[in-house]
Amino acid sequence: MARLYMIRHGKPAATWGDADDDPGLDETGKAQAQAAADALMALPEDARPKRVVSSPLRRCRETAEPTARALGVEVEVDPMVGEIPTPKALAAADRPGWLRTAFGGTWGEIQGDLDYDAWRRDIAKSLRRRGDTAVFSHYVAINAVLSVLEGHDRVVGFRPDHTSIITMETDGDGLTLVEKGREATTGVL
């Protein structure tokens, strides 16, 4: 079985609804990104990731960079592990309220122009072929994968802290949760 690590991005320089809709990391986030790289590099050599994949968003790409540098590889950008898609008709200012509502429900209850239950299953399916990879992603995408692996339909079943590392195994067909990472003690922000 190959190992797969799904890592939440580090602390961003801006939060929901701020003027910057694609913030990078603040100083704390940069330190968290380096700590995540150090943790992954401290694994036994046969358990370390060989590839680095990131959401297209800047906070994830910046979190992925120290790991990619340490491994001597390029960051591969994959929209499949990106942030939950916002309904097209929703104004940016309304996204925080839409997310808060979604967080309290199930995948089938999310309002929008997308089948969010299918979206979560597609993310988990895409990870099955990514053995020996560190995947840098988002709070909701991580919850999407965990809800599939744990067999529930709650949007939020786990509160991954910034740079929390979730460990999974894959044989190319199946995906198994090995260990959840560190859980946040505060809100998503």
Protein backbone atom coordinates (compact mmCIF):
# COMPACT_ATOMS: atom_id res chain seq x y z
CA MET A 1 0.00 0.00 0.00
CA ALA A 2 1.22 3.46 -0.88
CA ARG A 3 0.97 6.35 1.57
CA LEU A 4 -0.93 9.52 0.81
CA TYR A 5 -0.86 12.66 2.93
CA MET A 6 -3.55 15.34 2.72
CA ILE A 7 -2.44 18.57 4.37
CA ARG A 8 -4.53 21.64 5.08
CA HIS A 9 -2.90 24.89 4.01
CA GLY A 10 -1.14 27.14 6.51
CA LYS A 11 -2.69 30.22 8.10
CA PRO A 12 -3.61 32.68 5.33
CA ALA A 13 -2.88 36.40 5.36
CA ALA A 14 -6.61 37.14 4.88
CA THR A 15 -9.86 35.40 5.75
CA TRP A 16 -13.30 34.91 4.22
CA GLY A 17 -14.82 38.02 2.80
CA ASP A 18 -11.62 40.11 2.92
CA ALA A 19 -10.61 42.07 -0.16
CA ASP A 20 -8.05 39.45 -1.26
CA ASP A 21 -9.92 36.42 -2.61
CA ASP A 22 -6.66 34.44 -3.07
CA PRO A 23 -4.42 35.31 -0.12
CA GLY A 24 -1.02 33.82 0.47
CA LEU A 25 0.29 32.84 3.88
CA ASP A 26 0.98 35.17 6.77
CA GLU A 27 4.18 34.74 8.83
CA THR A 28 2.57 32.11 11.05
CA GLY A 29 1.39 30.24 7.95
CA LYS A 30 4.89 30.28 6.47
CA ALA A 31 6.30 28.78 9.67
CA GLN A 32 3.51 26.17 9.65
CA ALA A 33 4.37 25.27 6.03
CA GLN A 34 8.00 24.69 6.99
CA ALA A 35 6.97 22.63 10.02
CA ALA A 36 4.75 20.44 7.79
CA ALA A 37 7.67 19.90 5.41
CA ASP A 38 9.92 19.03 8.35
CA ALA A 39 7.35 16.52 9.65
CA LEU A 40 7.02 14.85 6.26
CA MET A 41 10.79 14.71 5.78
CA ALA A 42 11.19 13.18 9.26
CA LEU A 43 9.18 10.13 8.17
CA PRO A 44 11.10 6.98 7.32
CA GLU A 45 12.38 7.27 3.76
CA ASP A 46 10.02 4.58 2.44
CA ALA A 47 7.01 6.45 3.92
CA ARG A 48 7.91 9.92 2.60
CA PRO A 49 5.93 11.38 -0.26
CA LYS A 50 7.60 11.39 -3.67
CA ARG A 51 5.26 13.93 -5.30
CA VAL A 52 3.64 17.18 -4.17
CA VAL A 53 0.17 18.21 -5.40
CA SER A 54 -1.59 21.45 -4.54
CA SER A 55 -4.88 23.21 -4.94
CA PRO A 56 -4.53 26.13 -7.38
CA LEU A 57 -5.09 28.64 -4.58
CA ARG A 58 -2.07 30.59 -3.39
CA ARG A 59 -2.28 29.61 0.28
CA CYS A 60 -2.00 25.93 -0.67
CA ARG A 61 0.76 26.46 -3.24
CA GLU A 62 2.79 28.43 -0.70
CA THR A 63 2.22 25.73 1.93
CA ALA A 64 3.38 23.06 -0.53
CA GLU A 65 6.60 24.85 -1.56
CA PRO A 66 8.84 23.88 1.41
CA THR A 67 7.91 20.21 0.98
CA ALA A 68 8.53 20.32 -2.77
CA ARG A 69 11.91 22.01 -2.22
CA ALA A 70 12.92 19.42 0.38
CA LEU A 71 11.98 16.59 -1.98
CA GLY A 72 13.52 18.25 -5.04
CA VAL A 73 10.28 18.13 -7.03
CA GLU A 74 7.89 20.63 -8.62
CA VAL A 75 4.48 21.37 -7.14
CA GLU A 76 1.78 19.87 -9.38
CA VAL A 77 -1.37 22.03 -9.36
CA ASP A 78 -4.66 20.11 -9.48
CA PRO A 79 -8.03 21.92 -9.34
CA MET A 80 -9.68 18.67 -8.18
CA VAL A 81 -8.23 19.20 -4.69
CA GLY A 82 -9.21 22.88 -4.65
CA GLU A 83 -11.69 24.77 -2.53
CA ILE A 84 -15.39 23.89 -2.63
CA PRO A 85 -16.90 25.59 -5.70
CA THR A 86 -19.11 28.58 -4.92
CA PRO A 87 -22.43 28.76 -6.78
CA LYS A 88 -21.98 30.96 -9.86
CA ALA A 89 -24.84 33.29 -8.93
CA LEU A 90 -23.52 33.89 -5.41
CA ALA A 91 -21.77 37.21 -4.78
CA ALA A 92 -18.33 36.97 -3.15
CA ALA A 93 -19.64 38.84 -0.10
CA ASP A 94 -22.28 36.14 0.39
CA ARG A 95 -19.81 33.22 0.32
CA PRO A 96 -19.05 33.25 4.10
CA GLY A 97 -22.75 32.94 4.99
CA TRP A 98 -23.26 30.22 2.36
CA LEU A 99 -20.32 28.26 3.80
CA ARG A 100 -21.52 28.64 7.39
CA THR A 101 -24.92 27.26 6.37
CA ALA A 102 -23.27 24.38 4.49
CA PHE A 103 -21.05 23.54 7.46
CA GLY A 104 -24.11 22.77 9.58
CA GLY A 105 -25.68 20.34 7.14
CA THR A 106 -25.10 17.38 4.89
CA TRP A 107 -23.55 17.18 1.42
CA GLY A 108 -26.96 16.63 -0.19
CA GLU A 109 -28.38 19.77 1.46
CA ILE A 110 -25.84 22.26 0.08
CA GLN A 111 -27.58 24.78 -2.13
CA GLY A 112 -25.92 25.60 -5.43
CA ASP A 113 -25.56 24.73 -9.08
CA LEU A 114 -23.44 21.64 -8.45
CA ASP A 115 -24.03 18.17 -7.03
CA TYR A 116 -21.85 18.59 -3.94
CA ASP A 117 -22.34 14.97 -2.89
CA ALA A 118 -20.82 13.90 -6.23
CA TRP A 119 -18.06 16.54 -5.83
CA ARG A 120 -16.92 15.03 -2.52
CA ARG A 121 -16.89 11.53 -3.97
CA ASP A 122 -14.91 12.71 -6.99
CA ILE A 123 -12.19 14.17 -4.76
CA ALA A 124 -11.84 10.90 -2.84
CA LYS A 125 -11.81 8.96 -6.10
CA SER A 126 -9.06 11.18 -7.53
CA LEU A 127 -6.84 10.50 -4.52
CA ARG A 128 -6.87 6.73 -5.02
CA ARG A 129 -4.34 7.03 -7.86
CA ARG A 130 -2.03 9.34 -5.91
CA GLY A 131 0.15 7.04 -3.85
CA ASP A 132 3.31 8.41 -2.23
CA THR A 133 2.01 11.97 -2.58
CA ALA A 134 1.57 15.00 -0.33
CA VAL A 135 -1.66 16.79 -1.30
CA PHE A 136 -2.09 20.36 -0.04
CA SER A 137 -5.75 21.28 0.14
CA HIS A 138 -8.53 22.94 2.12
CA TYR A 139 -10.74 22.47 5.18
CA VAL A 140 -13.84 21.55 3.19
CA ALA A 141 -12.04 19.29 0.69
CA ILE A 142 -10.43 17.39 3.56
CA ASN A 143 -13.84 16.98 5.18
CA ALA A 144 -15.21 15.81 1.82
CA VAL A 145 -12.66 12.99 1.65
CA LEU A 146 -13.04 12.03 5.30
CA SER A 147 -16.84 11.88 5.01
CA VAL A 148 -16.48 9.34 2.19
CA LEU A 149 -13.90 7.28 4.08
CA GLU A 150 -15.86 7.36 7.33
CA GLY A 151 -19.22 6.67 5.67
CA HIS A 152 -21.21 9.72 6.79
CA ASP A 153 -22.69 12.67 4.92
CA ARG A 154 -22.01 15.56 7.32
CA VAL A 155 -20.17 18.42 5.64
CA VAL A 156 -18.02 18.97 8.72
CA GLY A 157 -17.06 15.91 10.72
CA PHE A 158 -13.48 16.99 11.47
CA ARG A 159 -11.88 20.39 12.09
CA PRO A 160 -8.36 20.13 10.63
CA ASP A 161 -5.98 22.71 12.02
CA HIS A 162 -3.72 24.65 9.66
CA THR A 163 -1.12 22.21 8.23
CA SER A 164 -2.80 19.25 9.88
CA ILE A 165 -1.56 16.10 8.12
CA ILE A 166 -4.13 13.38 7.39
CA THR A 167 -2.53 10.02 6.52
CA MET A 168 -4.17 7.57 4.15
CA GLU A 169 -3.17 4.46 2.22
CA THR A 170 -4.10 3.49 -1.30
CA ASP A 171 -3.62 0.46 -3.51
CA GLY A 172 -4.78 2.38 -6.59
CA ASP A 173 -8.37 1.17 -6.22
CA GLY A 174 -9.26 1.82 -2.60
CA LEU A 175 -8.45 4.54 -0.10
CA THR A 176 -8.14 3.90 3.63
CA LEU A 177 -7.78 6.37 6.49
CA VAL A 178 -4.72 5.61 8.63
CA GLU A 179 -4.67 8.64 10.92
CA LYS A 180 -6.39 11.98 11.21
CA GLY A 181 -4.18 14.95 11.79
CA ARG A 182 -4.31 17.64 14.43
CA GLU A 183 -7.75 19.12 15.04
CA ALA A 184 -8.28 22.88 15.43
CA THR A 185 -9.44 24.29 18.73
CA THR A 186 -10.94 27.41 17.10
CA GLY A 187 -13.08 28.10 14.04
CA VAL A 188 -12.12 27.59 10.40
CA LEU A 189 -10.70 31.08 10.09
